[in-house]
Amino acid sequence: MGDAGKNRETDILNRYNIPHIDVLKVGHHGSKTSSGVEFINSVKPTYSLISVGKNNRYGHPNKETLDILDNSFIYRTDLNGSIMFKIKNNGLKIKTCLE
């Protein structure tokens, strides 16, 4: 999702028929400007990945965003370190490595 905000999420929902997704790379480091309720409730990610630095000055990820993603398994680089999603034989394996 990159830096896509809630307006871009609405555009995506209006343009494309996106079913339930397995993995969502959460937009803008989990800030409050992305991952709106409508978008998350529509795509229903099983896993959510938030790329965010430890103790960052912006306070990312935002608590409201984490609450919206509550029905998803959340992986965060500040807490889990490197995160690898491996797809093989229609299965998904997730590995983390905290240095």
PDB file of N, CA and C in Angstrom:
ATOM      1  N   MET A   1       0.812  -1.195   0.000  1.00  0.00           N
ATOM      2  CA  MET A   1       0.000   0.000   0.000  1.00  0.00           C
ATOM      3  C   MET A   1       0.855   1.258   0.000  1.00  0.00           C
ATOM      4  N   GLY A   2       2.132   1.129   0.313  1.00  0.00           N
ATOM      5  CA  GLY A   2       3.006   2.303   0.285  1.00  0.00           C
ATOM      6  C   GLY A   2       2.498   3.397   1.202  1.00  0.00           C
ATOM      7  N   ASP A   3       2.389   4.597   0.678  1.00  0.00           N
ATOM      8  CA  ASP A   3       1.888   5.740   1.451  1.00  0.00           C
ATOM      9  C   ASP A   3       0.423   6.029   1.154  1.00  0.00           C
ATOM     10  N   ALA A   4      -0.299   5.047   0.650  1.00  0.00           N
ATOM     11  CA  ALA A   4      -1.714   5.243   0.327  1.00  0.00           C
ATOM     12  C   ALA A   4      -2.500   5.599   1.582  1.00  0.00           C
ATOM     13  N   GLY A   5      -3.266   6.663   1.476  1.00  0.00           N
ATOM     14  CA  GLY A   5      -4.119   7.086   2.579  1.00  0.00           C
ATOM     15  C   GLY A   5      -5.533   6.569   2.405  1.00  0.00           C
ATOM     16  N   LYS A   6      -6.425   6.996   3.279  1.00  0.00           N
ATOM     17  CA  LYS A   6      -7.807   6.520   3.248  1.00  0.00           C
ATOM     18  C   LYS A   6      -8.524   6.881   1.949  1.00  0.00           C
ATOM     19  N   ASN A   7      -8.221   8.049   1.370  1.00  0.00           N
ATOM     20  CA  ASN A   7      -8.845   8.420   0.091  1.00  0.00           C
ATOM     21  C   ASN A   7      -8.442   7.450  -1.011  1.00  0.00           C
ATOM     22  N   ARG A   8      -7.177   7.075  -1.052  1.00  0.00           N
ATOM     23  CA  ARG A   8      -6.704   6.114  -2.061  1.00  0.00           C
ATOM     24  C   ARG A   8      -7.331   4.748  -1.810  1.00  0.00           C
ATOM     25  N   GLU A   9      -7.501   4.372  -0.562  1.00  0.00           N
ATOM     26  CA  GLU A   9      -8.154   3.100  -0.246  1.00  0.00           C
ATOM     27  C   GLU A   9      -9.581   3.086  -0.787  1.00  0.00           C
ATOM     28  N   THR A  10     -10.284   4.198  -0.632  1.00  0.00           N
ATOM     29  CA  THR A  10     -11.650   4.310  -1.160  1.00  0.00           C
ATOM     30  C   THR A  10     -11.636   4.177  -2.672  1.00  0.00           C
ATOM     31  N   ASP A  11     -10.679   4.826  -3.338  1.00  0.00           N
ATOM     32  CA  ASP A  11     -10.542   4.705  -4.795  1.00  0.00           C
ATOM     33  C   ASP A  11     -10.335   3.243  -5.200  1.00  0.00           C
ATOM     34  N   ILE A  12      -9.484   2.541  -4.476  1.00  0.00           N
ATOM     35  CA  ILE A  12      -9.197   1.138  -4.779  1.00  0.00           C
ATOM     36  C   ILE A  12     -10.461   0.296  -4.637  1.00  0.00           C
ATOM     37  N   LEU A  13     -11.213   0.516  -3.559  1.00  0.00           N
ATOM     38  CA  LEU A  13     -12.451  -0.241  -3.346  1.00  0.00           C
ATOM     39  C   LEU A  13     -13.474   0.052  -4.439  1.00  0.00           C
ATOM     40  N   ASN A  14     -13.539   1.301  -4.899  1.00  0.00           N
ATOM     41  CA  ASN A  14     -14.494   1.681  -5.943  1.00  0.00           C
ATOM     42  C   ASN A  14     -14.102   1.147  -7.320  1.00  0.00           C
ATOM     43  N   ARG A  15     -12.824   0.991  -7.569  1.00  0.00           N
ATOM     44  CA  ARG A  15     -12.345   0.566  -8.892  1.00  0.00           C
ATOM     45  C   ARG A  15     -12.228  -0.940  -9.063  1.00  0.00           C
ATOM     46  N   TYR A  16     -11.889  -1.630  -7.988  1.00  0.00           N
ATOM     47  CA  TYR A  16     -11.568  -3.044  -8.098  1.00  0.00           C
ATOM     48  C   TYR A  16     -12.418  -3.871  -7.150  1.00  0.00           C
ATOM     49  N   ASN A  17     -12.714  -5.084  -7.576  1.00  0.00           N
ATOM     50  CA  ASN A  17     -13.442  -6.020  -6.731  1.00  0.00           C
ATOM     51  C   ASN A  17     -12.400  -6.853  -5.991  1.00  0.00           C
ATOM     52  N   ILE A  18     -11.999  -6.390  -4.827  1.00  0.00           N
ATOM     53  CA  ILE A  18     -10.954  -7.070  -4.065  1.00  0.00           C
ATOM     54  C   ILE A  18     -11.609  -7.956  -3.017  1.00  0.00           C
ATOM     55  N   PRO A  19     -11.401  -9.263  -3.153  1.00  0.00           N
ATOM     56  CA  PRO A  19     -11.964 -10.181  -2.153  1.00  0.00           C
ATOM     57  C   PRO A  19     -11.100 -10.199  -0.907  1.00  0.00           C
ATOM     58  N   HIS A  20     -11.428 -11.080  -0.016  1.00  0.00           N
ATOM     59  CA  HIS A  20     -10.607 -11.324   1.170  1.00  0.00           C
ATOM     60  C   HIS A  20      -9.162 -11.558   0.724  1.00  0.00           C
ATOM     61  N   ILE A  21      -8.204 -10.963   1.418  1.00  0.00           N
ATOM     62  CA  ILE A  21      -6.802 -11.155   1.072  1.00  0.00           C
ATOM     63  C   ILE A  21      -6.066 -11.836   2.221  1.00  0.00           C
ATOM     64  N   ASP A  22      -5.005 -12.520   1.868  1.00  0.00           N
ATOM     65  CA  ASP A  22      -4.224 -13.217   2.889  1.00  0.00           C
ATOM     66  C   ASP A  22      -3.283 -12.267   3.618  1.00  0.00           C
ATOM     67  N   VAL A  23      -2.501 -11.482   2.861  1.00  0.00           N
ATOM     68  CA  VAL A  23      -1.468 -10.629   3.454  1.00  0.00           C
ATOM     69  C   VAL A  23      -1.650  -9.189   2.985  1.00  0.00           C
ATOM     70  N   LEU A  24      -1.685  -8.273   3.936  1.00  0.00           N
ATOM     71  CA  LEU A  24      -1.750  -6.843   3.637  1.00  0.00           C
ATOM     72  C   LEU A  24      -0.489  -6.179   4.162  1.00  0.00           C
ATOM     73  N   LYS A  25       0.220  -5.499   3.289  1.00  0.00           N
ATOM     74  CA  LYS A  25       1.331  -4.635   3.708  1.00  0.00           C
ATOM     75  C   LYS A  25       0.659  -3.313   4.069  1.00  0.00           C
ATOM     76  N   VAL A  26       0.534  -3.038   5.346  1.00  0.00           N
ATOM     77  CA  VAL A  26      -0.208  -1.885   5.854  1.00  0.00           C
ATOM     78  C   VAL A  26       0.444  -0.591   5.369  1.00  0.00           C
ATOM     79  N   GLY A  27      -0.386   0.328   4.919  1.00  0.00           N
ATOM     80  CA  GLY A  27       0.101   1.588   4.375  1.00  0.00           C
ATOM     81  C   GLY A  27       0.677   2.525   5.420  1.00  0.00           C
ATOM     82  N   HIS A  28       1.607   3.315   4.981  1.00  0.00           N
ATOM     83  CA  HIS A  28       2.210   4.417   5.731  1.00  0.00           C
ATOM     84  C   HIS A  28       2.580   4.068   7.170  1.00  0.00           C
ATOM     85  N   HIS A  29       3.228   2.918   7.347  1.00  0.00           N
ATOM     86  CA  HIS A  29       3.779   2.491   8.645  1.00  0.00           C
ATOM     87  C   HIS A  29       2.722   2.372   9.745  1.00  0.00           C
ATOM     88  N   GLY A  30       1.462   2.162   9.332  1.00  0.00           N
ATOM     89  CA  GLY A  30       0.390   2.020  10.316  1.00  0.00           C
ATOM     90  C   GLY A  30      -0.082   3.340  10.897  1.00  0.00           C
ATOM     91  N   SER A  31       0.121   4.428  10.154  1.00  0.00           N
ATOM     92  CA  SER A  31      -0.299   5.736  10.650  1.00  0.00           C
ATOM     93  C   SER A  31      -1.826   5.842  10.657  1.00  0.00           C
ATOM     94  N   LYS A  32      -2.338   6.883  11.285  1.00  0.00           N
ATOM     95  CA  LYS A  32      -3.783   7.070  11.359  1.00  0.00           C
ATOM     96  C   LYS A  32      -4.377   7.539  10.036  1.00  0.00           C
ATOM     97  N   THR A  33      -3.533   7.861   9.063  1.00  0.00           N
ATOM     98  CA  THR A  33      -4.031   8.318   7.761  1.00  0.00           C
ATOM     99  C   THR A  33      -4.297   7.171   6.796  1.00  0.00           C
ATOM    100  N   SER A  34      -4.021   5.938   7.218  1.00  0.00           N
ATOM    101  CA  SER A  34      -4.244   4.794   6.340  1.00  0.00           C
ATOM    102  C   SER A  34      -4.974   3.693   7.088  1.00  0.00           C
ATOM    103  N   SER A  35      -5.331   2.644   6.355  1.00  0.00           N
ATOM    104  CA  SER A  35      -6.005   1.477   6.921  1.00  0.00           C
ATOM    105  C   SER A  35      -7.316   1.846   7.603  1.00  0.00           C
ATOM    106  N   GLY A  36      -8.196   2.492   6.828  1.00  0.00           N
ATOM    107  CA  GLY A  36      -9.507   2.877   7.327  1.00  0.00           C
ATOM    108  C   GLY A  36     -10.407   1.670   7.563  1.00  0.00           C
ATOM    109  N   VAL A  37     -11.399   1.841   8.392  1.00  0.00           N
ATOM    110  CA  VAL A  37     -12.326   0.759   8.763  1.00  0.00           C
ATOM    111  C   VAL A  37     -12.976   0.152   7.529  1.00  0.00           C
ATOM    112  N   GLU A  38     -13.455   0.989   6.609  1.00  0.00           N
ATOM    113  CA  GLU A  38     -14.144   0.481   5.418  1.00  0.00           C
ATOM    114  C   GLU A  38     -13.217  -0.413   4.589  1.00  0.00           C
ATOM    115  N   PHE A  39     -11.984   0.029   4.393  1.00  0.00           N
ATOM    116  CA  PHE A  39     -11.031  -0.741   3.600  1.00  0.00           C
ATOM    117  C   PHE A  39     -10.696  -2.071   4.271  1.00  0.00           C
ATOM    118  N   ILE A  40     -10.360  -2.022   5.541  1.00  0.00           N
ATOM    119  CA  ILE A  40      -9.982  -3.242   6.261  1.00  0.00           C
ATOM    120  C   ILE A  40     -11.155  -4.212   6.353  1.00  0.00           C
ATOM    121  N   ASN A  41     -12.355  -3.713   6.614  1.00  0.00           N
ATOM    122  CA  ASN A  41     -13.524  -4.595   6.682  1.00  0.00           C
ATOM    123  C   ASN A  41     -13.847  -5.210   5.324  1.00  0.00           C
ATOM    124  N   SER A  42     -13.468  -4.538   4.253  1.00  0.00           N
ATOM    125  CA  SER A  42     -13.720  -5.052   2.912  1.00  0.00           C
ATOM    126  C   SER A  42     -12.708  -6.121   2.506  1.00  0.00           C
ATOM    127  N   VAL A  43     -11.430  -5.880   2.740  1.00  0.00           N
ATOM    128  CA  VAL A  43     -10.399  -6.827   2.287  1.00  0.00           C
ATOM    129  C   VAL A  43     -10.113  -7.927   3.309  1.00  0.00           C
ATOM    130  N   LYS A  44     -10.465  -7.712   4.560  1.00  0.00           N
ATOM    131  CA  LYS A  44     -10.335  -8.709   5.636  1.00  0.00           C
ATOM    132  C   LYS A  44      -9.004  -9.466   5.596  1.00  0.00           C
ATOM    133  N   PRO A  45      -7.897  -8.763   5.823  1.00  0.00           N
ATOM    134  CA  PRO A  45      -6.607  -9.455   5.753  1.00  0.00           C
ATOM    135  C   PRO A  45      -6.437 -10.480   6.875  1.00  0.00           C
ATOM    136  N   THR A  46      -5.915 -11.639   6.507  1.00  0.00           N
ATOM    137  CA  THR A  46      -5.602 -12.648   7.515  1.00  0.00           C
ATOM    138  C   THR A  46      -4.363 -12.222   8.294  1.00  0.00           C
ATOM    139  N   TYR A  47      -3.368 -11.713   7.556  1.00  0.00           N
ATOM    140  CA  TYR A  47      -2.119 -11.240   8.152  1.00  0.00           C
ATOM    141  C   TYR A  47      -1.881  -9.802   7.725  1.00  0.00           C
ATOM    142  N   SER A  48      -1.392  -8.997   8.644  1.00  0.00           N
ATOM    143  CA  SER A  48      -1.047  -7.609   8.343  1.00  0.00           C
ATOM    144  C   SER A  48       0.400  -7.372   8.720  1.00  0.00           C
ATOM    145  N   LEU A  49       1.137  -6.792   7.802  1.00  0.00           N
ATOM    146  CA  LEU A  49       2.550  -6.496   8.009  1.00  0.00           C
ATOM    147  C   LEU A  49       2.734  -4.988   8.109  1.00  0.00           C
ATOM    148  N   ILE A  50       3.332  -4.543   9.213  1.00  0.00           N
ATOM    149  CA  ILE A  50       3.609  -3.119   9.406  1.00  0.00           C
ATOM    150  C   ILE A  50       5.113  -2.933   9.477  1.00  0.00           C
ATOM    151  N   SER A  51       5.635  -2.203   8.504  1.00  0.00           N
ATOM    152  CA  SER A  51       7.057  -1.880   8.473  1.00  0.00           C
ATOM    153  C   SER A  51       7.242  -0.568   9.232  1.00  0.00           C
ATOM    154  N   VAL A  52       7.902  -0.660  10.383  1.00  0.00           N
ATOM    155  CA  VAL A  52       8.006   0.513  11.251  1.00  0.00           C
ATOM    156  C   VAL A  52       9.261   0.405  12.116  1.00  0.00           C
ATOM    157  N   GLY A  53       9.914   1.544  12.308  1.00  0.00           N
ATOM    158  CA  GLY A  53      11.111   1.579  13.144  1.00  0.00           C
ATOM    159  C   GLY A  53      10.768   1.603  14.626  1.00  0.00           C
ATOM    160  N   LYS A  54      11.654   1.052  15.413  1.00  0.00           N
ATOM    161  CA  LYS A  54      11.489   1.032  16.864  1.00  0.00           C
ATOM    162  C   LYS A  54      11.582   2.455  17.408  1.00  0.00           C
ATOM    163  N   ASN A  55      10.687   2.792  18.327  1.00  0.00           N
ATOM    164  CA  ASN A  55      10.688   4.101  18.995  1.00  0.00           C
ATOM    165  C   ASN A  55      10.774   5.264  18.010  1.00  0.00           C
ATOM    166  N   ASN A  56      10.026   5.179  16.895  1.00  0.00           N
ATOM    167  CA  ASN A  56      10.071   6.247  15.897  1.00  0.00           C
ATOM    168  C   ASN A  56       9.385   7.503  16.410  1.00  0.00           C
ATOM    169  N   ARG A  57       9.808   8.629  15.936  1.00  0.00           N
ATOM    170  CA  ARG A  57       9.322   9.919  16.453  1.00  0.00           C
ATOM    171  C   ARG A  57       7.873  10.223  16.090  1.00  0.00           C
ATOM    172  N   TYR A  58       7.294   9.442  15.168  1.00  0.00           N
ATOM    173  CA  TYR A  58       5.906   9.687  14.770  1.00  0.00           C
ATOM    174  C   TYR A  58       4.903   8.862  15.574  1.00  0.00           C
ATOM    175  N   GLY A  59       5.402   7.966  16.386  1.00  0.00           N
ATOM    176  CA  GLY A  59       4.501   7.133  17.187  1.00  0.00           C
ATOM    177  C   GLY A  59       3.790   6.059  16.375  1.00  0.00           C
ATOM    178  N   HIS A  60       4.339   5.701  15.217  1.00  0.00           N
ATOM    179  CA  HIS A  60       3.745   4.648  14.398  1.00  0.00           C
ATOM    180  C   HIS A  60       4.057   3.282  14.989  1.00  0.00           C
ATOM    181  N   PRO A  61       3.163   2.345  14.889  1.00  0.00           N
ATOM    182  CA  PRO A  61       1.830   2.436  14.318  1.00  0.00           C
ATOM    183  C   PRO A  61       0.843   3.063  15.304  1.00  0.00           C
ATOM    184  N   ASN A  62      -0.186   3.650  14.759  1.00  0.00           N
ATOM    185  CA  ASN A  62      -1.213   4.320  15.543  1.00  0.00           C
ATOM    186  C   ASN A  62      -2.110   3.282  16.227  1.00  0.00           C
ATOM    187  N   LYS A  63      -2.494   3.542  17.470  1.00  0.00           N
ATOM    188  CA  LYS A  63      -3.336   2.591  18.222  1.00  0.00           C
ATOM    189  C   LYS A  63      -4.668   2.335  17.522  1.00  0.00           C
ATOM    190  N   GLU A  64      -5.279   3.376  16.958  1.00  0.00           N
ATOM    191  CA  GLU A  64      -6.556   3.195  16.246  1.00  0.00           C
ATOM    192  C   GLU A  64      -6.388   2.247  15.062  1.00  0.00           C
ATOM    193  N   THR A  65      -5.277   2.386  14.357  1.00  0.00           N
ATOM    194  CA  THR A  65      -5.005   1.501  13.223  1.00  0.00           C
ATOM    195  C   THR A  65      -4.839   0.070  13.703  1.00  0.00           C
ATOM    196  N   LEU A  66      -4.117  -0.127  14.792  1.00  0.00           N
ATOM    197  CA  LEU A  66      -3.959  -1.468  15.353  1.00  0.00           C
ATOM    198  C   LEU A  66      -5.311  -2.048  15.774  1.00  0.00           C
ATOM    199  N   ASP A  67      -6.180  -1.215  16.329  1.00  0.00           N
ATOM    200  CA  ASP A  67      -7.511  -1.674  16.729  1.00  0.00           C
ATOM    201  C   ASP A  67      -8.327  -2.108  15.516  1.00  0.00           C
ATOM    202  N   ILE A  68      -8.224  -1.360  14.413  1.00  0.00           N
ATOM    203  CA  ILE A  68      -8.948  -1.695  13.175  1.00  0.00           C
ATOM    204  C   ILE A  68      -8.460  -3.032  12.625  1.00  0.00           C
ATOM    205  N   LEU A  69      -7.172  -3.311  12.794  1.00  0.00           N
ATOM    206  CA  LEU A  69      -6.571  -4.547  12.291  1.00  0.00           C
ATOM    207  C   LEU A  69      -6.682  -5.704  13.277  1.00  0.00           C
ATOM    208  N   ASP A  70      -7.441  -5.530  14.339  1.00  0.00           N
ATOM    209  CA  ASP A  70      -7.501  -6.495  15.442  1.00  0.00           C
ATOM    210  C   ASP A  70      -7.892  -7.914  15.021  1.00  0.00           C
ATOM    211  N   ASN A  71      -8.652  -8.069  13.950  1.00  0.00           N
ATOM    212  CA  ASN A  71      -9.061  -9.404  13.505  1.00  0.00           C
ATOM    213  C   ASN A  71      -8.024 -10.052  12.599  1.00  0.00           C
ATOM    214  N   SER A  72      -6.892  -9.413  12.465  1.00  0.00           N
ATOM    215  CA  SER A  72      -5.807  -9.896  11.632  1.00  0.00           C
ATOM    216  C   SER A  72      -4.614 -10.242  12.523  1.00  0.00           C
ATOM    217  N   PHE A  73      -3.807 -11.201  12.094  1.00  0.00           N
ATOM    218  CA  PHE A  73      -2.553 -11.465  12.798  1.00  0.00           C
ATOM    219  C   PHE A  73      -1.574 -10.376  12.369  1.00  0.00           C
ATOM    220  N   ILE A  74      -1.107  -9.576  13.295  1.00  0.00           N
ATOM    221  CA  ILE A  74      -0.279  -8.416  12.980  1.00  0.00           C
ATOM    222  C   ILE A  74       1.187  -8.729  13.232  1.00  0.00           C
ATOM    223  N   TYR A  75       2.000  -8.477  12.212  1.00  0.00           N
ATOM    224  CA  TYR A  75       3.449  -8.589  12.320  1.00  0.00           C
ATOM    225  C   TYR A  75       4.033  -7.192  12.151  1.00  0.00           C
ATOM    226  N   ARG A  76       4.942  -6.826  13.053  1.00  0.00           N
ATOM    227  CA  ARG A  76       5.559  -5.496  13.035  1.00  0.00           C
ATOM    228  C   ARG A  76       7.074  -5.641  13.053  1.00  0.00           C
ATOM    229  N   THR A  77       7.745  -4.898  12.192  1.00  0.00           N
ATOM    230  CA  THR A  77       9.201  -4.999  12.153  1.00  0.00           C
ATOM    231  C   THR A  77       9.848  -4.458  13.423  1.00  0.00           C
ATOM    232  N   ASP A  78       9.194  -3.535  14.122  1.00  0.00           N
ATOM    233  CA  ASP A  78       9.780  -3.032  15.365  1.00  0.00           C
ATOM    234  C   ASP A  78       9.732  -4.064  16.486  1.00  0.00           C
ATOM    235  N   LEU A  79       8.778  -4.974  16.424  1.00  0.00           N
ATOM    236  CA  LEU A  79       8.639  -6.000  17.455  1.00  0.00           C
ATOM    237  C   LEU A  79       9.143  -7.365  17.007  1.00  0.00           C
ATOM    238  N   ASN A  80       8.957  -7.688  15.719  1.00  0.00           N
ATOM    239  CA  ASN A  80       9.288  -9.013  15.211  1.00  0.00           C
ATOM    240  C   ASN A  80      10.576  -9.057  14.404  1.00  0.00           C
ATOM    241  N   GLY A  81      11.163  -7.911  14.088  1.00  0.00           N
ATOM    242  CA  GLY A  81      12.364  -7.876  13.266  1.00  0.00           C
ATOM    243  C   GLY A  81      12.031  -8.162  11.814  1.00  0.00           C
ATOM    244  N   SER A  82      12.941  -8.862  11.138  1.00  0.00           N
ATOM    245  CA  SER A  82      12.715  -9.236   9.734  1.00  0.00           C
ATOM    246  C   SER A  82      11.564 -10.228   9.663  1.00  0.00           C
ATOM    247  N   ILE A  83      10.737 -10.070   8.652  1.00  0.00           N
ATOM    248  CA  ILE A  83       9.575 -10.941   8.493  1.00  0.00           C
ATOM    249  C   ILE A  83       9.589 -11.500   7.079  1.00  0.00           C
ATOM    250  N   MET A  84       9.527 -12.823   6.962  1.00  0.00           N
ATOM    251  CA  MET A  84       9.540 -13.462   5.660  1.00  0.00           C
ATOM    252  C   MET A  84       8.266 -14.273   5.481  1.00  0.00           C
ATOM    253  N   PHE A  85       7.564 -14.002   4.391  1.00  0.00           N
ATOM    254  CA  PHE A  85       6.389 -14.770   4.008  1.00  0.00           C
ATOM    255  C   PHE A  85       6.809 -15.672   2.854  1.00  0.00           C
ATOM    256  N   LYS A  86       6.644 -16.972   3.017  1.00  0.00           N
ATOM    257  CA  LYS A  86       7.048 -17.916   1.984  1.00  0.00           C
ATOM    258  C   LYS A  86       5.826 -18.722   1.556  1.00  0.00           C
ATOM    259  N   ILE A  87       5.550 -18.679   0.256  1.00  0.00           N
ATOM    260  CA  ILE A  87       4.406 -19.409  -0.286  1.00  0.00           C
ATOM    261  C   ILE A  87       4.937 -20.624  -1.036  1.00  0.00           C
ATOM    262  N   LYS A  88       4.452 -21.805  -0.637  1.00  0.00           N
ATOM    263  CA  LYS A  88       4.897 -23.038  -1.269  1.00  0.00           C
ATOM    264  C   LYS A  88       3.765 -24.057  -1.201  1.00  0.00           C
ATOM    265  N   ASN A  89       3.480 -24.679  -2.333  1.00  0.00           N
ATOM    266  CA  ASN A  89       2.424 -25.701  -2.398  1.00  0.00           C
ATOM    267  C   ASN A  89       1.111 -25.197  -1.808  1.00  0.00           C
ATOM    268  N   ASN A  90       0.730 -23.993  -2.183  1.00  0.00           N
ATOM    269  CA  ASN A  90      -0.517 -23.361  -1.712  1.00  0.00           C
ATOM    270  C   ASN A  90      -0.565 -23.151  -0.204  1.00  0.00           C
ATOM    271  N   GLY A  91       0.584 -23.188   0.448  1.00  0.00           N
ATOM    272  CA  GLY A  91       0.655 -22.934   1.882  1.00  0.00           C
ATOM    273  C   GLY A  91       1.489 -21.692   2.151  1.00  0.00           C
ATOM    274  N   LEU A  92       1.269 -21.081   3.275  1.00  0.00           N
ATOM    275  CA  LEU A  92       1.991 -19.872   3.664  1.00  0.00           C
ATOM    276  C   LEU A  92       2.754 -20.147   4.954  1.00  0.00           C
ATOM    277  N   LYS A  93       4.050 -19.885   4.906  1.00  0.00           N
ATOM    278  CA  LYS A  93       4.877 -19.998   6.108  1.00  0.00           C
ATOM    279  C   LYS A  93       5.438 -18.617   6.432  1.00  0.00           C
ATOM    280  N   ILE A  94       5.432 -18.287   7.708  1.00  0.00           N
ATOM    281  CA  ILE A  94       5.914 -16.984   8.139  1.00  0.00           C
ATOM    282  C   ILE A  94       7.061 -17.199   9.109  1.00  0.00           C
ATOM    283  N   LYS A  95       8.179 -16.517   8.843  1.00  0.00           N
ATOM    284  CA  LYS A  95       9.347 -16.580   9.728  1.00  0.00           C
ATOM    285  C   LYS A  95       9.712 -15.176  10.126  1.00  0.00           C
ATOM    286  N   THR A  96      10.096 -15.031  11.381  1.00  0.00           N
ATOM    287  CA  THR A  96      10.581 -13.743  11.863  1.00  0.00           C
ATOM    288  C   THR A  96      11.988 -13.915  12.419  1.00  0.00           C
ATOM    289  N   CYS A  97      12.730 -12.841  12.413  1.00  0.00           N
ATOM    290  CA  CYS A  97      14.096 -12.888  12.925  1.00  0.00           C
ATOM    291  C   CYS A  97      14.401 -11.560  13.612  1.00  0.00           C
ATOM    292  N   LEU A  98      14.418 -11.579  14.904  1.00  0.00           N
ATOM    293  CA  LEU A  98      14.732 -10.381  15.686  1.00  0.00           C
ATOM    294  C   LEU A  98      16.200 -10.417  16.063  1.00  0.00           C
ATOM    295  N   GLU A  99      16.958  -9.447  15.587  1.00  0.00           N
ATOM    296  CA  GLU A  99      18.404  -9.429  15.858  1.00  0.00           C
ATOM    297  C   GLU A  99      18.712  -8.790  17.174  1.00  0.00           C
TER     298      GLU A  99
END
